[in-house]
Amino acid sequence: MRAVTGAKNLHSVHQLFPRVPFYHYRALHRDIEPIIRQQGTPILSRKPLDPKVSR
């Protein structure tokens, strides 16, 4: 189902980095998540982006 929805939970990554291909969104999000959290930007998701990480 993720392919059909277009990974809507990673849409902000696309907005910040529009030239990055969609298949790199998860890796890019993992790289920038600490910076996003440090800035105080809320990260909203129904489930964790990385199933190995519990929040």
Protein backbone atom coordinates (compact mmCIF):
# COMPACT_ATOMS: atom_id res chain seq x y z
CA MET A 1 0.00 0.00 0.00
CA ARG A 2 2.93 2.35 0.57
CA ALA A 3 3.69 2.53 -3.15
CA VAL A 4 0.10 3.59 -3.83
CA THR A 5 0.05 6.27 -1.12
CA GLY A 6 3.41 7.66 -2.22
CA ALA A 7 4.83 7.63 1.33
CA LYS A 8 2.77 10.63 2.45
CA ASN A 9 4.47 10.53 5.85
CA LEU A 10 7.72 11.55 4.13
CA HIS A 11 6.22 14.39 2.14
CA SER A 12 8.12 17.04 4.12
CA VAL A 13 11.40 15.46 2.97
CA HIS A 14 10.25 15.97 -0.61
CA GLN A 15 9.34 19.60 0.13
CA LEU A 16 12.75 20.32 1.66
CA PHE A 17 14.76 18.36 -0.93
CA PRO A 18 12.71 18.14 -4.14
CA ARG A 19 15.58 16.76 -6.25
CA VAL A 20 16.04 13.67 -4.06
CA PRO A 21 14.39 10.55 -5.57
CA PHE A 22 11.50 9.12 -3.53
CA TYR A 23 13.36 5.88 -2.87
CA HIS A 24 15.93 7.82 -0.80
CA TYR A 25 13.35 9.57 1.42
CA ARG A 26 13.66 7.16 4.35
CA ALA A 27 17.45 7.33 4.47
CA LEU A 28 17.40 11.10 4.15
CA HIS A 29 14.80 11.38 6.90
CA ARG A 30 16.97 9.25 9.20
CA ASP A 31 19.92 11.55 8.45
CA ILE A 32 18.09 14.82 9.11
CA GLU A 33 15.73 13.71 11.91
CA PRO A 34 18.11 14.72 14.74
CA ILE A 35 18.43 18.20 13.24
CA ILE A 36 14.68 18.50 12.77
CA ARG A 37 14.07 17.50 16.40
CA GLN A 38 16.81 19.83 17.65
CA GLN A 39 15.06 22.72 15.90
CA GLY A 40 11.83 21.80 17.68
CA THR A 41 9.94 20.92 14.51
CA PRO A 42 7.18 18.40 15.25
CA ILE A 43 7.37 15.09 13.42
CA LEU A 44 3.92 13.61 13.00
CA SER A 45 3.34 10.05 11.91
CA ARG A 46 0.82 7.34 12.72
CA LYS A 47 3.62 4.83 13.05
CA PRO A 48 7.41 5.13 13.31
CA LEU A 49 9.19 5.61 10.00
CA ASP A 50 11.70 2.97 11.02
CA PRO A 51 9.99 -0.09 12.53
CA LYS A 52 13.17 -0.89 14.51
CA VAL A 53 12.90 2.42 16.39
CA SER A 54 10.29 2.75 19.13
CA ARG A 55 9.34 6.24 20.22
